[in-house]
Amino acid sequence: MESKHLVDWLRDAHAMEKQAEKMLQSQAHRLEHYPQLQQRIEEHIEETVNQSKKLEHCLTLLGANTSSFKDMGAEL
């Protein structure tokens, strides 16, 4: 895979992780009456945050950064 395509793919994946994090956090707040499900969602949020950090690290190693535009678009 060409470096540019890899960077684009990593940026897309990072934006998707950020979108998933926001969605899961929103859901976790609504699950107070379902503590087991809420706990699992919170664990998944932690996994998602870790994935996002790993993607950021990969981008840094390639001399790139995350796409603010894609991250912002994922939040809408």
PDB file of N, CA and C in Angstrom:
ATOM      1  N   MET A   1       0.854  -1.176   0.000  1.00  0.00           N
ATOM      2  CA  MET A   1       0.000   0.000   0.000  1.00  0.00           C
ATOM      3  C   MET A   1       0.894   1.232   0.000  1.00  0.00           C
ATOM      4  N   GLU A   2       0.595   2.161  -0.850  1.00  0.00           N
ATOM      5  CA  GLU A   2       1.371   3.390  -0.888  1.00  0.00           C
ATOM      6  C   GLU A   2       1.191   4.144   0.418  1.00  0.00           C
ATOM      7  N   SER A   3       2.229   4.883   0.790  1.00  0.00           N
ATOM      8  CA  SER A   3       2.213   5.614   2.053  1.00  0.00           C
ATOM      9  C   SER A   3       1.019   6.563   2.152  1.00  0.00           C
ATOM     10  N   LYS A   4       0.700   7.272   1.067  1.00  0.00           N
ATOM     11  CA  LYS A   4      -0.430   8.211   1.096  1.00  0.00           C
ATOM     12  C   LYS A   4      -1.742   7.482   1.360  1.00  0.00           C
ATOM     13  N   HIS A   5      -1.915   6.329   0.731  1.00  0.00           N
ATOM     14  CA  HIS A   5      -3.141   5.567   0.948  1.00  0.00           C
ATOM     15  C   HIS A   5      -3.210   5.040   2.381  1.00  0.00           C
ATOM     16  N   LEU A   6      -2.070   4.621   2.899  1.00  0.00           N
ATOM     17  CA  LEU A   6      -2.025   4.142   4.278  1.00  0.00           C
ATOM     18  C   LEU A   6      -2.386   5.262   5.242  1.00  0.00           C
ATOM     19  N   VAL A   7      -1.822   6.436   5.033  1.00  0.00           N
ATOM     20  CA  VAL A   7      -2.123   7.587   5.894  1.00  0.00           C
ATOM     21  C   VAL A   7      -3.606   7.932   5.804  1.00  0.00           C
ATOM     22  N   ASP A   8      -4.158   7.946   4.611  1.00  0.00           N
ATOM     23  CA  ASP A   8      -5.594   8.222   4.450  1.00  0.00           C
ATOM     24  C   ASP A   8      -6.431   7.193   5.198  1.00  0.00           C
ATOM     25  N   TRP A   9      -6.050   5.926   5.069  1.00  0.00           N
ATOM     26  CA  TRP A   9      -6.797   4.859   5.740  1.00  0.00           C
ATOM     27  C   TRP A   9      -6.705   5.018   7.252  1.00  0.00           C
ATOM     28  N   LEU A  10      -5.505   5.309   7.768  1.00  0.00           N
ATOM     29  CA  LEU A  10      -5.336   5.495   9.212  1.00  0.00           C
ATOM     30  C   LEU A  10      -6.143   6.687   9.708  1.00  0.00           C
ATOM     31  N   ARG A  11      -6.181   7.754   8.935  1.00  0.00           N
ATOM     32  CA  ARG A  11      -6.981   8.928   9.324  1.00  0.00           C
ATOM     33  C   ARG A  11      -8.473   8.591   9.343  1.00  0.00           C
ATOM     34  N   ASP A  12      -8.927   7.850   8.352  1.00  0.00           N
ATOM     35  CA  ASP A  12     -10.334   7.432   8.331  1.00  0.00           C
ATOM     36  C   ASP A  12     -10.653   6.562   9.542  1.00  0.00           C
ATOM     37  N   ALA A  13      -9.767   5.619   9.836  1.00  0.00           N
ATOM     38  CA  ALA A  13      -9.979   4.724  10.978  1.00  0.00           C
ATOM     39  C   ALA A  13      -9.998   5.515  12.281  1.00  0.00           C
ATOM     40  N   HIS A  14      -9.125   6.512  12.393  1.00  0.00           N
ATOM     41  CA  HIS A  14      -9.090   7.343  13.599  1.00  0.00           C
ATOM     42  C   HIS A  14     -10.402   8.111  13.754  1.00  0.00           C
ATOM     43  N   ALA A  15     -10.899   8.668  12.669  1.00  0.00           N
ATOM     44  CA  ALA A  15     -12.166   9.408  12.718  1.00  0.00           C
ATOM     45  C   ALA A  15     -13.313   8.491  13.134  1.00  0.00           C
ATOM     46  N   MET A  16     -13.302   7.256  12.641  1.00  0.00           N
ATOM     47  CA  MET A  16     -14.358   6.304  13.016  1.00  0.00           C
ATOM     48  C   MET A  16     -14.270   5.941  14.493  1.00  0.00           C
ATOM     49  N   GLU A  17     -13.057   5.796  15.010  1.00  0.00           N
ATOM     50  CA  GLU A  17     -12.892   5.497  16.438  1.00  0.00           C
ATOM     51  C   GLU A  17     -13.406   6.658  17.284  1.00  0.00           C
ATOM     52  N   LYS A  18     -13.114   7.881  16.867  1.00  0.00           N
ATOM     53  CA  LYS A  18     -13.599   9.054  17.600  1.00  0.00           C
ATOM     54  C   LYS A  18     -15.129   9.111  17.585  1.00  0.00           C
ATOM     55  N   GLN A  19     -15.725   8.784  16.446  1.00  0.00           N
ATOM     56  CA  GLN A  19     -17.181   8.764  16.339  1.00  0.00           C
ATOM     57  C   GLN A  19     -17.757   7.687  17.256  1.00  0.00           C
ATOM     58  N   ALA A  20     -17.154   6.520  17.265  1.00  0.00           N
ATOM     59  CA  ALA A  20     -17.624   5.425  18.116  1.00  0.00           C
ATOM     60  C   ALA A  20     -17.505   5.803  19.585  1.00  0.00           C
ATOM     61  N   GLU A  21     -16.410   6.454  19.946  1.00  0.00           N
ATOM     62  CA  GLU A  21     -16.210   6.877  21.335  1.00  0.00           C
ATOM     63  C   GLU A  21     -17.330   7.811  21.783  1.00  0.00           C
ATOM     64  N   LYS A  22     -17.644   8.785  20.950  1.00  0.00           N
ATOM     65  CA  LYS A  22     -18.701   9.745  21.295  1.00  0.00           C
ATOM     66  C   LYS A  22     -20.055   9.044  21.425  1.00  0.00           C
ATOM     67  N   MET A  23     -20.361   8.152  20.498  1.00  0.00           N
ATOM     68  CA  MET A  23     -21.629   7.433  20.522  1.00  0.00           C
ATOM     69  C   MET A  23     -21.733   6.548  21.770  1.00  0.00           C
ATOM     70  N   LEU A  24     -20.661   5.838  22.087  1.00  0.00           N
ATOM     71  CA  LEU A  24     -20.675   4.947  23.244  1.00  0.00           C
ATOM     72  C   LEU A  24     -20.796   5.730  24.549  1.00  0.00           C
ATOM     73  N   GLN A  25     -20.126   6.872  24.638  1.00  0.00           N
ATOM     74  CA  GLN A  25     -20.235   7.692  25.843  1.00  0.00           C
ATOM     75  C   GLN A  25     -21.668   8.171  26.040  1.00  0.00           C
ATOM     76  N   SER A  26     -22.307   8.541  24.962  1.00  0.00           N
ATOM     77  CA  SER A  26     -23.698   8.973  25.030  1.00  0.00           C
ATOM     78  C   SER A  26     -24.592   7.841  25.530  1.00  0.00           C
ATOM     79  N   GLN A  27     -24.353   6.649  25.028  1.00  0.00           N
ATOM     80  CA  GLN A  27     -25.155   5.500  25.451  1.00  0.00           C
ATOM     81  C   GLN A  27     -24.893   5.120  26.899  1.00  0.00           C
ATOM     82  N   ALA A  28     -23.646   5.178  27.315  1.00  0.00           N
ATOM     83  CA  ALA A  28     -23.287   4.775  28.677  1.00  0.00           C
ATOM     84  C   ALA A  28     -24.046   5.596  29.712  1.00  0.00           C
ATOM     85  N   HIS A  29     -24.255   6.870  29.418  1.00  0.00           N
ATOM     86  CA  HIS A  29     -24.968   7.740  30.361  1.00  0.00           C
ATOM     87  C   HIS A  29     -26.441   7.350  30.504  1.00  0.00           C
ATOM     88  N   ARG A  30     -26.986   6.690  29.504  1.00  0.00           N
ATOM     89  CA  ARG A  30     -28.409   6.326  29.530  1.00  0.00           C
ATOM     90  C   ARG A  30     -28.662   4.935  30.106  1.00  0.00           C
ATOM     91  N   LEU A  31     -27.626   4.248  30.520  1.00  0.00           N
ATOM     92  CA  LEU A  31     -27.782   2.855  30.952  1.00  0.00           C
ATOM     93  C   LEU A  31     -27.646   2.669  32.458  1.00  0.00           C
ATOM     94  N   GLU A  32     -27.967   3.690  33.213  1.00  0.00           N
ATOM     95  CA  GLU A  32     -27.797   3.606  34.663  1.00  0.00           C
ATOM     96  C   GLU A  32     -28.628   2.487  35.294  1.00  0.00           C
ATOM     97  N   HIS A  33     -29.725   2.096  34.680  1.00  0.00           N
ATOM     98  CA  HIS A  33     -30.571   1.028  35.226  1.00  0.00           C
ATOM     99  C   HIS A  33     -30.124  -0.356  34.766  1.00  0.00           C
ATOM    100  N   TYR A  34     -29.084  -0.403  33.965  1.00  0.00           N
ATOM    101  CA  TYR A  34     -28.536  -1.666  33.451  1.00  0.00           C
ATOM    102  C   TYR A  34     -27.027  -1.688  33.720  1.00  0.00           C
ATOM    103  N   PRO A  35     -26.646  -1.883  34.983  1.00  0.00           N
ATOM    104  CA  PRO A  35     -25.235  -1.734  35.363  1.00  0.00           C
ATOM    105  C   PRO A  35     -24.268  -2.665  34.627  1.00  0.00           C
ATOM    106  N   GLN A  36     -24.687  -3.888  34.332  1.00  0.00           N
ATOM    107  CA  GLN A  36     -23.779  -4.794  33.627  1.00  0.00           C
ATOM    108  C   GLN A  36     -23.528  -4.318  32.200  1.00  0.00           C
ATOM    109  N   LEU A  37     -24.579  -3.893  31.543  1.00  0.00           N
ATOM    110  CA  LEU A  37     -24.436  -3.378  30.182  1.00  0.00           C
ATOM    111  C   LEU A  37     -23.629  -2.082  30.187  1.00  0.00           C
ATOM    112  N   GLN A  38     -23.906  -1.230  31.165  1.00  0.00           N
ATOM    113  CA  GLN A  38     -23.166   0.022  31.279  1.00  0.00           C
ATOM    114  C   GLN A  38     -21.673  -0.250  31.489  1.00  0.00           C
ATOM    115  N   GLN A  39     -21.348  -1.231  32.311  1.00  0.00           N
ATOM    116  CA  GLN A  39     -19.952  -1.579  32.552  1.00  0.00           C
ATOM    117  C   GLN A  39     -19.280  -2.053  31.266  1.00  0.00           C
ATOM    118  N   ARG A  40     -19.981  -2.888  30.513  1.00  0.00           N
ATOM    119  CA  ARG A  40     -19.403  -3.393  29.262  1.00  0.00           C
ATOM    120  C   ARG A  40     -19.206  -2.267  28.246  1.00  0.00           C
ATOM    121  N   ILE A  41     -20.153  -1.340  28.191  1.00  0.00           N
ATOM    122  CA  ILE A  41     -20.014  -0.192  27.290  1.00  0.00           C
ATOM    123  C   ILE A  41     -18.811   0.650  27.714  1.00  0.00           C
ATOM    124  N   GLU A  42     -18.639   0.850  29.017  1.00  0.00           N
ATOM    125  CA  GLU A  42     -17.499   1.627  29.505  1.00  0.00           C
ATOM    126  C   GLU A  42     -16.177   0.925  29.193  1.00  0.00           C
ATOM    127  N   GLU A  43     -16.157  -0.395  29.267  1.00  0.00           N
ATOM    128  CA  GLU A  43     -14.959  -1.150  28.880  1.00  0.00           C
ATOM    129  C   GLU A  43     -14.681  -0.958  27.389  1.00  0.00           C
ATOM    130  N   HIS A  44     -15.742  -0.967  26.619  1.00  0.00           N
ATOM    131  CA  HIS A  44     -15.586  -0.790  25.171  1.00  0.00           C
ATOM    132  C   HIS A  44     -15.092   0.620  24.846  1.00  0.00           C
ATOM    133  N   ILE A  45     -15.535   1.603  25.612  1.00  0.00           N
ATOM    134  CA  ILE A  45     -15.044   2.973  25.429  1.00  0.00           C
ATOM    135  C   ILE A  45     -13.535   3.004  25.652  1.00  0.00           C
ATOM    136  N   GLU A  46     -13.083   2.348  26.701  1.00  0.00           N
ATOM    137  CA  GLU A  46     -11.645   2.296  26.989  1.00  0.00           C
ATOM    138  C   GLU A  46     -10.878   1.637  25.836  1.00  0.00           C
ATOM    139  N   GLU A  47     -11.427   0.554  25.309  1.00  0.00           N
ATOM    140  CA  GLU A  47     -10.799  -0.121  24.166  1.00  0.00           C
ATOM    141  C   GLU A  47     -10.746   0.813  22.952  1.00  0.00           C
ATOM    142  N   THR A  48     -11.823   1.545  22.744  1.00  0.00           N
ATOM    143  CA  THR A  48     -11.911   2.464  21.609  1.00  0.00           C
ATOM    144  C   THR A  48     -10.889   3.592  21.741  1.00  0.00           C
ATOM    145  N   VAL A  49     -10.759   4.136  22.938  1.00  0.00           N
ATOM    146  CA  VAL A  49      -9.776   5.195  23.188  1.00  0.00           C
ATOM    147  C   VAL A  49      -8.364   4.670  22.932  1.00  0.00           C
ATOM    148  N   ASN A  50      -8.091   3.449  23.387  1.00  0.00           N
ATOM    149  CA  ASN A  50      -6.769   2.856  23.160  1.00  0.00           C
ATOM    150  C   ASN A  50      -6.500   2.656  21.671  1.00  0.00           C
ATOM    151  N   GLN A  51      -7.506   2.218  20.933  1.00  0.00           N
ATOM    152  CA  GLN A  51      -7.346   2.050  19.483  1.00  0.00           C
ATOM    153  C   GLN A  51      -7.042   3.395  18.821  1.00  0.00           C
ATOM    154  N   SER A  52      -7.737   4.417  19.254  1.00  0.00           N
ATOM    155  CA  SER A  52      -7.521   5.757  18.708  1.00  0.00           C
ATOM    156  C   SER A  52      -6.085   6.215  18.960  1.00  0.00           C
ATOM    157  N   LYS A  53      -5.586   5.967  20.172  1.00  0.00           N
ATOM    158  CA  LYS A  53      -4.206   6.342  20.505  1.00  0.00           C
ATOM    159  C   LYS A  53      -3.204   5.565  19.655  1.00  0.00           C
ATOM    160  N   LYS A  54      -3.476   4.293  19.422  1.00  0.00           N
ATOM    161  CA  LYS A  54      -2.584   3.483  18.581  1.00  0.00           C
ATOM    162  C   LYS A  54      -2.552   4.014  17.151  1.00  0.00           C
ATOM    163  N   LEU A  55      -3.715   4.406  16.650  1.00  0.00           N
ATOM    164  CA  LEU A  55      -3.776   4.974  15.302  1.00  0.00           C
ATOM    165  C   LEU A  55      -3.009   6.293  15.230  1.00  0.00           C
ATOM    166  N   GLU A  56      -3.146   7.123  16.268  1.00  0.00           N
ATOM    167  CA  GLU A  56      -2.398   8.381  16.316  1.00  0.00           C
ATOM    168  C   GLU A  56      -0.897   8.099  16.307  1.00  0.00           C
ATOM    169  N   HIS A  57      -0.477   7.081  17.057  1.00  0.00           N
ATOM    170  CA  HIS A  57       0.938   6.716  17.106  1.00  0.00           C
ATOM    171  C   HIS A  57       1.432   6.268  15.728  1.00  0.00           C
ATOM    172  N   CYS A  58       0.652   5.461  15.048  1.00  0.00           N
ATOM    173  CA  CYS A  58       1.020   5.010  13.698  1.00  0.00           C
ATOM    174  C   CYS A  58       1.170   6.196  12.755  1.00  0.00           C
ATOM    175  N   LEU A  59       0.248   7.129  12.843  1.00  0.00           N
ATOM    176  CA  LEU A  59       0.328   8.320  11.995  1.00  0.00           C
ATOM    177  C   LEU A  59       1.588   9.128  12.309  1.00  0.00           C
ATOM    178  N   THR A  60       1.910   9.254  13.588  1.00  0.00           N
ATOM    179  CA  THR A  60       3.113   9.978  13.987  1.00  0.00           C
ATOM    180  C   THR A  60       4.361   9.313  13.421  1.00  0.00           C
ATOM    181  N   LEU A  61       4.403   7.982  13.486  1.00  0.00           N
ATOM    182  CA  LEU A  61       5.550   7.250  12.941  1.00  0.00           C
ATOM    183  C   LEU A  61       5.714   7.483  11.440  1.00  0.00           C
ATOM    184  N   LEU A  62       4.606   7.744  10.769  1.00  0.00           N
ATOM    185  CA  LEU A  62       4.643   8.001   9.328  1.00  0.00           C
ATOM    186  C   LEU A  62       4.848   9.482   9.005  1.00  0.00           C
ATOM    187  N   GLY A  63       5.018  10.305  10.050  1.00  0.00           N
ATOM    188  CA  GLY A  63       5.223  11.737   9.842  1.00  0.00           C
ATOM    189  C   GLY A  63       3.950  12.483   9.511  1.00  0.00           C
ATOM    190  N   ALA A  64       2.822  11.912   9.881  1.00  0.00           N
ATOM    191  CA  ALA A  64       1.519  12.530   9.600  1.00  0.00           C
ATOM    192  C   ALA A  64       0.799  12.783  10.924  1.00  0.00           C
ATOM    193  N   ASN A  65      -0.338  13.424  10.831  1.00  0.00           N
ATOM    194  CA  ASN A  65      -1.172  13.625  12.009  1.00  0.00           C
ATOM    195  C   ASN A  65      -2.608  13.274  11.661  1.00  0.00           C
ATOM    196  N   THR A  66      -3.466  13.353  12.670  1.00  0.00           N
ATOM    197  CA  THR A  66      -4.873  13.043  12.425  1.00  0.00           C
ATOM    198  C   THR A  66      -5.482  14.163  11.591  1.00  0.00           C
ATOM    199  N   SER A  67      -6.562  13.861  10.940  1.00  0.00           N
ATOM    200  CA  SER A  67      -7.259  14.854  10.134  1.00  0.00           C
ATOM    201  C   SER A  67      -8.326  15.518  10.992  1.00  0.00           C
ATOM    202  N   SER A  68      -8.097  16.769  11.346  1.00  0.00           N
ATOM    203  CA  SER A  68      -9.089  17.497  12.148  1.00  0.00           C
ATOM    204  C   SER A  68     -10.420  17.564  11.427  1.00  0.00           C
ATOM    205  N   PHE A  69     -10.359  17.715  10.110  1.00  0.00           N
ATOM    206  CA  PHE A  69     -11.575  17.785   9.305  1.00  0.00           C
ATOM    207  C   PHE A  69     -12.362  16.478   9.409  1.00  0.00           C
ATOM    208  N   LYS A  70     -11.678  15.339   9.263  1.00  0.00           N
ATOM    209  CA  LYS A  70     -12.361  14.044   9.343  1.00  0.00           C
ATOM    210  C   LYS A  70     -12.855  13.782  10.757  1.00  0.00           C
ATOM    211  N   ASP A  71     -12.047  14.140  11.767  1.00  0.00           N
ATOM    212  CA  ASP A  71     -12.477  13.951  13.147  1.00  0.00           C
ATOM    213  C   ASP A  71     -13.715  14.791  13.443  1.00  0.00           C
ATOM    214  N   MET A  72     -13.728  16.025  12.967  1.00  0.00           N
ATOM    215  CA  MET A  72     -14.872  16.904  13.181  1.00  0.00           C
ATOM    216  C   MET A  72     -16.096  16.356  12.451  1.00  0.00           C
ATOM    217  N   GLY A  73     -15.907  15.883  11.244  1.00  0.00           N
ATOM    218  CA  GLY A  73     -17.011  15.315  10.473  1.00  0.00           C
ATOM    219  C   GLY A  73     -17.589  14.090  11.133  1.00  0.00           C
ATOM    220  N   ALA A  74     -16.755  13.317  11.787  1.00  0.00           N
ATOM    221  CA  ALA A  74     -17.218  12.110  12.463  1.00  0.00           C
ATOM    222  C   ALA A  74     -18.063  12.444  13.681  1.00  0.00           C
ATOM    223  N   GLU A  75     -17.879  13.640  14.232  1.00  0.00           N
ATOM    224  CA  GLU A  75     -18.626  14.027  15.423  1.00  0.00           C
ATOM    225  C   GLU A  75     -20.018  14.541  15.108  1.00  0.00           C
ATOM    226  N   LEU A  76     -20.287  14.848  13.874  1.00  0.00           N
ATOM    227  CA  LEU A  76     -21.605  15.396  13.518  1.00  0.00           C
ATOM    228  C   LEU A  76     -22.672  14.342  13.519  1.00  0.00           C
TER     229      LEU A  76
END
